[in-house]
Amino acid sequence: MAGRLGILAGSGELPQRVIEACRAADRPFFILAFEGSAAPALVEGLPHAWVRLGAAAEGFRLLRENGVKELVFAGAVRRPTLWSLRPDWRAARFFAKIGWRALGDDGLLRAVIKEVESEGFRVIGADSILAAALAPPGPLGALVPDAQAEADIAHGLDVARALGALDIGQAVVVQQGIVLGVEASEGTDALIARCAVLRRAGPGGVLVKIAKPGQERRADLPTIGLRTVTAAAAAGLRGIAVEAGATFVLDRPALVAAADHAGLFVVGVAAR
């Protein structure tokens, strides 16, 4: 049997899905929940501890005390400023070594994983635990993109690849060949809301979300859930295209039912 898994928990649905998978596999786990990111209800009644994001020494101590050897990153953590982070001596040493301002999100996550593994832990990807939750190729529901939507998806893939190559974001919204918005630090939900007021008359736009080129798969793989479909429908989008095999589709039956009801397609596409 695999040893106790340390779940580094941020916001969103992914931490809950990892916990459910551990329970189903009868694997022991310990949750290290990040203050200001993880939901208090997530850890209720479960083995856990809370830690401030900048308290690296305390986090490592808690993981070792609880017998953790393997770690998984699960959920979003908004990147703070160094001022708000208030790094302890261990975190400060790390940031002095890597140059905090010189790295994008994926570069920073790569550096964090390397530093964590230098402490003797092994970092695994959430996709190794939730492989069944990755988007398959093709339509997930009853609806499929028409010719205009296919063209918007193709354009969105080109833009998203360029965006990801600069380590900026994972998503873009395209309508009738026009890029309405690209994802930066605000996240996908905020991108969709921003594009709602920019939409044009005629067929609605498409959200395209893919992993960045060379994405560190052990952290921050693209994720969509029921909230994504709800937001897309409210913004007047026609559908969602995600990278097959590299995007988590959480609570897939409910997501597909909601998309079908709203008249949205959800499709897995090849992004490379």
Protein backbone atom coordinates (compact mmCIF):
# COMPACT_ATOMS: atom_id res chain seq x y z
CA MET A 1 0.00 0.00 0.00
CA ALA A 2 1.19 3.51 -0.80
CA GLY A 3 2.15 5.65 2.18
CA ARG A 4 0.31 8.65 3.54
CA LEU A 5 -0.32 11.26 0.89
CA GLY A 6 0.09 14.93 1.72
CA ILE A 7 -2.56 17.04 0.00
CA LEU A 8 -1.47 20.67 -0.39
CA ALA A 9 -4.92 22.18 -0.61
CA GLY A 10 -5.91 25.44 -2.25
CA SER A 11 -9.28 26.64 -3.48
CA GLY A 12 -11.76 25.05 -5.88
CA GLU A 13 -13.16 21.55 -6.25
CA LEU A 14 -9.94 19.67 -6.99
CA PRO A 15 -8.86 19.10 -3.34
CA GLN A 16 -12.22 17.48 -2.58
CA ARG A 17 -11.90 15.17 -5.57
CA VAL A 18 -8.40 14.10 -4.48
CA ILE A 19 -9.71 13.37 -0.98
CA GLU A 20 -12.55 11.28 -2.43
CA ALA A 21 -10.08 9.32 -4.57
CA CYS A 22 -7.89 8.61 -1.53
CA ARG A 23 -10.89 7.36 0.41
CA ALA A 24 -11.99 5.14 -2.48
CA ALA A 25 -8.48 3.65 -2.69
CA ASP A 26 -8.26 3.33 1.11
CA ARG A 27 -5.13 5.46 1.06
CA PRO A 28 -4.27 7.46 4.19
CA PHE A 29 -3.85 11.19 3.69
CA PHE A 30 -3.04 14.39 5.51
CA ILE A 31 -4.28 17.78 4.32
CA LEU A 32 -2.04 20.82 4.59
CA ALA A 33 -4.55 23.59 3.91
CA PHE A 34 -3.36 27.01 2.84
CA GLU A 35 -4.89 29.86 4.80
CA GLY A 36 -6.98 32.17 2.66
CA SER A 37 -7.32 29.59 -0.13
CA ALA A 38 -8.75 26.28 1.09
CA ALA A 39 -12.34 26.16 2.29
CA PRO A 40 -12.77 25.40 6.02
CA ALA A 41 -15.49 22.86 5.20
CA LEU A 42 -12.99 20.85 3.15
CA VAL A 43 -10.99 19.69 6.16
CA GLU A 44 -13.75 19.33 8.73
CA GLY A 45 -13.34 16.03 10.58
CA LEU A 46 -10.28 15.06 8.53
CA PRO A 47 -6.56 14.89 9.43
CA HIS A 48 -5.27 18.33 8.61
CA ALA A 49 -3.39 21.44 9.62
CA TRP A 50 -3.60 25.03 8.44
CA VAL A 51 -0.51 26.87 7.31
CA ARG A 52 0.25 30.32 6.03
CA LEU A 53 1.57 30.24 2.47
CA GLY A 54 4.85 31.91 3.45
CA ALA A 55 5.50 29.58 6.42
CA ALA A 56 7.58 26.99 4.56
CA ALA A 57 9.51 25.73 7.59
CA GLU A 58 6.29 25.12 9.51
CA GLY A 59 4.74 23.37 6.53
CA PHE A 60 7.66 20.98 6.13
CA ARG A 61 7.60 20.26 9.87
CA LEU A 62 3.89 19.41 9.81
CA LEU A 63 4.28 17.12 6.83
CA ARG A 64 7.14 15.20 8.42
CA GLU A 65 5.36 14.92 11.77
CA ASN A 66 2.41 13.34 10.00
CA GLY A 67 4.46 10.76 8.13
CA VAL A 68 4.04 12.22 4.65
CA LYS A 69 6.43 11.11 1.92
CA GLU A 70 4.43 11.90 -1.22
CA LEU A 71 2.73 15.21 -1.96
CA VAL A 72 0.11 16.40 -4.42
CA PHE A 73 -0.77 19.99 -5.26
CA ALA A 74 -4.55 20.36 -5.44
CA GLY A 75 -6.48 23.57 -5.98
CA ALA A 76 -5.69 27.15 -6.85
CA VAL A 77 -3.58 29.51 -4.78
CA ARG A 78 -3.59 33.13 -5.86
CA ARG A 79 -0.03 34.37 -6.23
CA PRO A 80 0.63 36.89 -3.45
CA THR A 81 3.04 39.76 -3.31
CA LEU A 82 6.17 39.24 -1.25
CA TRP A 83 4.84 41.84 1.16
CA SER A 84 1.60 39.92 1.81
CA LEU A 85 3.41 36.56 1.78
CA ARG A 86 5.56 37.45 4.82
CA PRO A 87 8.05 34.63 4.11
CA ASP A 88 9.72 32.86 7.00
CA TRP A 89 13.45 32.12 6.89
CA ARG A 90 12.96 28.97 4.78
CA ALA A 91 10.74 30.66 2.21
CA ALA A 92 12.97 33.75 2.13
CA ARG A 93 15.98 31.58 1.32
CA PHE A 94 14.05 30.00 -1.54
CA PHE A 95 12.94 33.32 -3.04
CA ALA A 96 16.44 34.76 -2.75
CA LYS A 97 17.71 31.81 -4.77
CA ILE A 98 15.15 31.83 -7.60
CA GLY A 99 14.33 35.50 -8.10
CA TRP A 100 10.61 35.93 -7.31
CA ARG A 101 9.83 38.60 -9.91
CA ALA A 102 11.60 36.89 -12.80
CA LEU A 103 9.31 33.86 -13.00
CA GLY A 104 5.81 33.36 -14.35
CA ASP A 105 3.37 31.04 -12.62
CA ASP A 106 4.54 27.83 -14.27
CA GLY A 107 8.19 28.74 -13.76
CA LEU A 108 7.50 29.47 -10.10
CA LEU A 109 5.66 26.16 -9.65
CA ARG A 110 8.57 24.28 -11.21
CA ALA A 111 10.94 25.95 -8.78
CA VAL A 112 8.64 25.21 -5.83
CA ILE A 113 8.41 21.53 -6.76
CA LYS A 114 12.18 21.28 -7.09
CA GLU A 115 12.60 22.90 -3.68
CA VAL A 116 10.00 20.65 -2.06
CA GLU A 117 11.70 17.55 -3.45
CA SER A 118 15.05 18.80 -2.15
CA GLU A 119 13.49 18.38 1.32
CA GLY A 120 13.02 14.65 0.68
CA PHE A 121 9.39 14.61 -0.47
CA ARG A 122 8.16 13.18 -3.76
CA VAL A 123 5.67 15.33 -5.67
CA ILE A 124 3.12 13.49 -7.81
CA GLY A 125 0.54 14.93 -10.18
CA ALA A 126 -3.15 15.04 -9.37
CA ASP A 127 -3.67 13.40 -12.77
CA SER A 128 -2.00 10.25 -11.45
CA ILE A 129 -4.77 10.06 -8.84
CA LEU A 130 -7.66 11.41 -10.94
CA ALA A 131 -6.84 10.01 -14.38
CA ALA A 132 -10.51 9.23 -15.01
CA ALA A 133 -11.36 12.92 -14.56
CA LEU A 134 -9.21 14.04 -17.52
CA ALA A 135 -11.14 15.20 -20.58
CA PRO A 136 -11.43 12.60 -23.35
CA PRO A 137 -11.20 13.61 -27.01
CA GLY A 138 -14.44 14.58 -28.74
CA PRO A 139 -17.77 15.92 -27.49
CA LEU A 140 -18.66 15.23 -23.86
CA GLY A 141 -22.35 15.99 -24.23
CA ALA A 142 -25.10 15.99 -26.85
CA LEU A 143 -23.98 19.13 -28.68
CA VAL A 144 -21.10 19.60 -31.11
CA PRO A 145 -19.46 22.74 -32.52
CA ASP A 146 -20.54 23.94 -35.97
CA ALA A 147 -18.18 25.31 -38.62
CA GLN A 148 -17.96 28.79 -37.06
CA ALA A 149 -17.29 27.37 -33.60
CA GLU A 150 -14.65 25.01 -35.04
CA ALA A 151 -12.91 28.00 -36.61
CA ASP A 152 -13.07 29.89 -33.30
CA ILE A 153 -11.61 26.88 -31.50
CA ALA A 154 -8.72 26.63 -33.98
CA HIS A 155 -7.97 30.34 -33.58
CA GLY A 156 -8.30 30.04 -29.81
CA LEU A 157 -5.79 27.19 -29.75
CA ASP A 158 -3.24 29.29 -31.62
CA VAL A 159 -3.72 32.19 -29.23
CA ALA A 160 -3.70 29.99 -26.13
CA ARG A 161 -0.47 28.29 -27.19
CA ALA A 162 1.20 31.67 -27.66
CA LEU A 163 -0.19 32.88 -24.35
CA GLY A 164 1.02 29.76 -22.55
CA ALA A 165 4.46 29.92 -24.14
CA LEU A 166 4.90 33.27 -22.38
CA ASP A 167 3.73 31.65 -19.10
CA ILE A 168 0.78 34.03 -18.80
CA GLY A 169 -2.43 32.00 -18.79
CA GLN A 170 -4.29 28.95 -20.05
CA ALA A 171 -7.55 30.26 -21.51
CA VAL A 172 -8.92 32.53 -24.23
CA VAL A 173 -12.40 33.48 -25.42
CA VAL A 174 -12.95 33.84 -29.17
CA GLN A 175 -16.14 34.94 -30.93
CA GLN A 176 -16.50 34.95 -34.72
CA GLY A 177 -12.73 35.07 -35.11
CA ILE A 178 -12.30 37.96 -32.65
CA VAL A 179 -10.37 37.43 -29.42
CA LEU A 180 -12.60 38.88 -26.70
CA GLY A 181 -10.16 38.24 -23.89
CA VAL A 182 -7.20 36.20 -22.66
CA GLU A 183 -6.61 34.84 -19.18
CA ALA A 184 -3.98 36.44 -16.98
CA SER A 185 -3.82 36.48 -13.20
CA GLU A 186 -7.59 36.95 -12.75
CA GLY A 187 -8.48 33.32 -13.55
CA THR A 188 -10.95 31.70 -15.92
CA ASP A 189 -14.17 32.70 -14.18
CA ALA A 190 -13.17 36.36 -14.19
CA LEU A 191 -12.12 36.10 -17.84
CA ILE A 192 -15.55 34.76 -18.79
CA ALA A 193 -17.32 37.50 -16.81
CA ARG A 194 -15.16 40.17 -18.46
CA CYS A 195 -15.96 38.84 -21.92
CA ALA A 196 -19.71 38.87 -21.23
CA VAL A 197 -19.77 42.65 -21.69
CA LEU A 198 -17.59 42.45 -24.82
CA ARG A 199 -19.65 39.92 -26.76
CA ARG A 200 -20.83 40.78 -30.24
CA ALA A 201 -24.17 40.21 -31.94
CA GLY A 202 -24.60 36.83 -33.61
CA PRO A 203 -23.29 33.38 -32.67
CA GLY A 204 -21.70 33.35 -29.24
CA GLY A 205 -18.06 32.83 -28.42
CA VAL A 206 -16.05 29.83 -27.31
CA LEU A 207 -13.88 29.36 -24.24
CA VAL A 208 -10.67 27.52 -25.15
CA LYS A 209 -8.56 26.23 -22.27
CA ILE A 210 -5.35 24.22 -22.62
CA ALA A 211 -2.18 23.42 -20.71
CA LYS A 212 0.76 25.68 -21.36
CA PRO A 213 3.47 24.33 -23.69
CA GLY A 214 5.84 22.38 -21.48
CA GLN A 215 3.37 22.62 -18.58
CA GLU A 216 4.55 21.17 -15.29
CA ARG A 217 1.84 18.48 -15.07
CA ARG A 218 2.33 17.99 -11.35
CA ALA A 219 0.76 21.37 -10.65
CA ASP A 220 -1.87 23.63 -12.17
CA LEU A 221 -3.31 21.50 -14.96
CA PRO A 222 -6.34 23.24 -16.51
CA THR A 223 -9.63 22.50 -14.75
CA ILE A 224 -13.27 23.08 -15.57
CA GLY A 225 -16.31 22.32 -13.44
CA LEU A 226 -19.99 23.03 -13.14
CA ARG A 227 -19.23 26.65 -12.24
CA THR A 228 -17.39 27.06 -15.55
CA VAL A 229 -20.45 25.92 -17.50
CA THR A 230 -22.74 28.17 -15.48
CA ALA A 231 -20.48 31.17 -16.07
CA ALA A 232 -20.13 30.41 -19.78
CA ALA A 233 -23.90 30.16 -20.21
CA ALA A 234 -24.45 33.43 -18.34
CA ALA A 235 -21.88 35.14 -20.57
CA GLY A 236 -23.63 34.01 -23.75
CA LEU A 237 -20.90 31.61 -24.88
CA ARG A 238 -21.72 28.74 -27.24
CA GLY A 239 -19.32 26.22 -25.85
CA ILE A 240 -16.11 25.18 -24.16
CA ALA A 241 -13.11 23.45 -25.75
CA VAL A 242 -10.45 21.93 -23.49
CA GLU A 243 -7.28 19.97 -24.09
CA ALA A 244 -8.03 16.26 -24.10
CA GLY A 245 -5.86 14.27 -21.70
CA ALA A 246 -4.60 17.41 -19.95
CA THR A 247 -7.69 19.08 -18.46
CA PHE A 248 -9.64 18.00 -15.40
CA VAL A 249 -13.40 17.85 -15.93
CA LEU A 250 -14.81 17.79 -12.41
CA ASP A 251 -18.19 16.22 -11.66
CA ARG A 252 -18.51 15.29 -15.31
CA PRO A 253 -22.13 13.94 -15.29
CA ALA A 254 -23.47 17.13 -13.68
CA LEU A 255 -21.31 19.32 -15.92
CA VAL A 256 -22.52 17.58 -19.10
CA ALA A 257 -26.16 17.71 -17.98
CA ALA A 258 -25.86 21.45 -17.25
CA ALA A 259 -24.15 22.10 -20.59
CA ASP A 260 -26.81 20.18 -22.52
CA HIS A 261 -29.56 22.03 -20.68
CA ALA A 262 -27.93 25.40 -21.41
CA GLY A 263 -27.32 24.54 -25.07
CA LEU A 264 -23.52 24.59 -24.77
CA PHE A 265 -21.11 22.11 -26.27
CA VAL A 266 -18.12 20.83 -24.29
CA VAL A 267 -15.44 19.18 -26.35
CA GLY A 268 -11.99 17.71 -25.82
CA VAL A 269 -9.49 18.73 -28.49
CA ALA A 270 -5.87 18.01 -29.39
CA ALA A 271 -3.82 21.10 -28.58
CA ARG A 272 -0.37 20.14 -29.89
